[in-house]
Protein backbone atom coordinates (compact mmCIF):
# COMPACT_ATOMS: atom_id res chain seq x y z
CA UNK A 1 -3.27 5.02 -11.46
CA UNK A 2 -4.66 7.44 -14.04
CA UNK A 3 -5.31 11.11 -14.64
CA UNK A 4 -8.84 12.01 -15.76
CA UNK A 5 -9.58 15.25 -17.61
CA UNK A 6 -12.75 17.27 -18.24
CA UNK A 7 -11.14 20.19 -20.07
CA UNK A 8 -7.62 20.96 -21.20
CA UNK A 9 -6.41 24.52 -21.68
CA UNK A 10 -3.38 25.15 -23.87
CA UNK A 11 -1.64 28.44 -23.09
CA UNK A 12 0.91 30.09 -25.32
CA UNK A 13 1.02 32.93 -27.80
CA UNK A 14 0.54 33.55 -31.49
CA UNK A 15 -2.51 31.32 -31.92
CA UNK A 16 -4.45 32.58 -34.96
CA UNK A 17 -7.53 34.49 -33.73
CA UNK A 18 -9.08 34.17 -37.19
CA UNK A 19 -9.04 30.37 -36.96
CA UNK A 20 -11.73 29.20 -34.55
CA UNK A 21 -10.80 25.50 -34.48
CA UNK A 22 -7.65 23.59 -33.65
CA UNK A 23 -7.00 19.95 -32.83
CA UNK A 24 -5.14 18.41 -29.93
CA UNK A 25 -3.93 14.84 -29.83
CA UNK A 26 -3.58 13.38 -26.33
CA UNK A 27 -1.93 10.00 -26.60
CA UNK A 28 -3.96 8.33 -29.36
CA UNK A 29 -7.14 10.41 -29.01
CA UNK A 30 -7.81 13.39 -31.32
CA UNK A 31 -9.79 16.19 -29.65
CA UNK A 32 -11.42 19.13 -31.46
CA UNK A 33 -10.54 22.40 -29.74
CA UNK A 34 -11.54 26.06 -29.88
CA UNK A 35 -9.07 28.93 -30.29
CA UNK A 36 -10.33 31.31 -27.58
CA UNK A 37 -7.79 34.07 -28.33
CA UNK A 38 -4.18 34.46 -29.44
CA UNK A 39 -2.98 33.02 -26.11
CA UNK A 40 -5.53 30.30 -25.26
CA UNK A 41 -6.91 27.13 -26.83
CA UNK A 42 -9.69 25.28 -24.97
CA UNK A 43 -10.11 21.54 -25.51
CA UNK A 44 -13.20 19.86 -24.05
CA UNK A 45 -12.40 16.25 -23.25
CA UNK A 46 -15.02 13.55 -22.99
CA UNK A 47 -15.73 13.03 -19.27
CA UNK A 48 -13.89 9.99 -18.04
CA UNK A 49 -11.18 10.05 -20.72
CA UNK A 50 -7.97 9.13 -18.97
CA UNK A 51 -4.29 8.57 -19.50
CA UNK A 52 -3.38 5.44 -17.64
CA UNK A 53 -1.23 2.94 -19.49
CA UNK A 54 1.61 5.17 -20.62
CA UNK A 55 2.90 8.70 -20.69
CA UNK A 56 0.93 10.61 -23.32
CA UNK A 57 2.37 12.85 -26.01
CA UNK A 58 0.35 16.04 -26.41
CA UNK A 59 0.34 17.55 -29.92
CA UNK A 60 -1.56 20.70 -30.92
CA UNK A 61 -2.48 21.12 -34.61
CA UNK A 62 -3.41 24.62 -35.73
CA UNK A 63 -5.13 25.22 -39.09
CA UNK A 64 -3.33 27.61 -41.46
CA UNK A 65 -3.79 29.20 -44.87
CA UNK A 66 -0.87 29.52 -47.27
CA UNK A 67 -0.34 32.28 -49.83
CA UNK A 68 -2.63 30.46 -52.29
CA UNK A 69 -5.43 30.37 -49.70
CA UNK A 70 -5.03 26.60 -49.35
CA UNK A 71 -5.59 25.20 -45.90
CA UNK A 72 -3.27 22.97 -43.95
CA UNK A 73 -2.28 22.11 -40.40
CA UNK A 74 0.77 23.23 -38.46
CA UNK A 75 2.09 21.18 -35.57
CA UNK A 76 3.01 23.18 -32.51
CA UNK A 77 5.83 22.26 -30.21
CA UNK A 78 4.92 18.93 -28.68
CA UNK A 79 5.27 17.97 -25.07
CA UNK A 80 4.63 14.89 -23.01
CA UNK A 81 2.16 14.51 -20.16
CA UNK A 82 4.07 12.54 -17.55
CA UNK A 83 2.10 10.62 -15.01
CA UNK A 84 2.48 11.82 -11.44
CA UNK A 85 4.83 9.74 -9.31
CA UNK A 86 3.24 7.46 -6.74
CA UNK A 87 5.06 6.86 -3.46
CA UNK A 88 4.13 3.51 -1.93
CA UNK A 89 6.56 3.28 0.97
CA UNK A 90 9.91 4.31 2.40
CA UNK A 91 12.71 1.84 3.05
CA UNK A 92 13.63 3.34 6.44
CA UNK A 93 10.92 4.16 9.02
CA UNK A 94 13.03 6.71 10.95
CA UNK A 95 16.46 8.31 11.24
CA UNK A 96 18.47 10.67 13.43
CA UNK A 97 17.68 14.41 13.39
CA UNK A 98 21.19 15.20 12.15
CA UNK A 99 20.42 13.33 8.91
CA UNK A 100 22.86 11.19 6.97
CA UNK A 101 20.55 8.17 6.70
CA UNK A 102 20.18 6.70 3.23
CA UNK A 103 16.53 6.50 2.27
CA UNK A 104 14.98 4.29 -0.37
CA UNK A 105 11.62 5.26 -1.86
CA UNK A 106 9.35 2.64 -3.43
CA UNK A 107 6.63 3.45 -5.94
CA UNK A 108 5.89 4.05 -9.60
CA UNK A 109 6.47 6.64 -12.31
CA UNK A 110 9.64 8.21 -10.90
CA UNK A 111 11.57 9.97 -13.66
CA UNK A 112 15.31 9.57 -13.91
CA UNK A 113 17.52 8.90 -10.96
CA UNK A 114 19.82 10.85 -8.76
CA UNK A 115 20.18 12.55 -5.46
CA UNK A 116 17.29 14.33 -3.80
């Protein structure tokens, strides 16, 4: 099971309007992006690029200039793209309307554990 992207939009605030380019790393792939405005970065992704084998860390690098006018890159807060859970089946086909029946769900990519 995979997620395929055509374009990623990064929303936030404080992106430098004067810097037209940024870079996003999705998993192991570096993607050149465009700073649209102080709140939006647009990242065109090669059609068919997918995240399928593992959860993918997403890192945004924004070019900066220091006081000496030397360029560098700043890493934004990173986050992880988690694959969507896939429900294959339920362990109990039916139960009483009053509830109380324990239910087991089978599938992939569930995060954590606990009561639902």
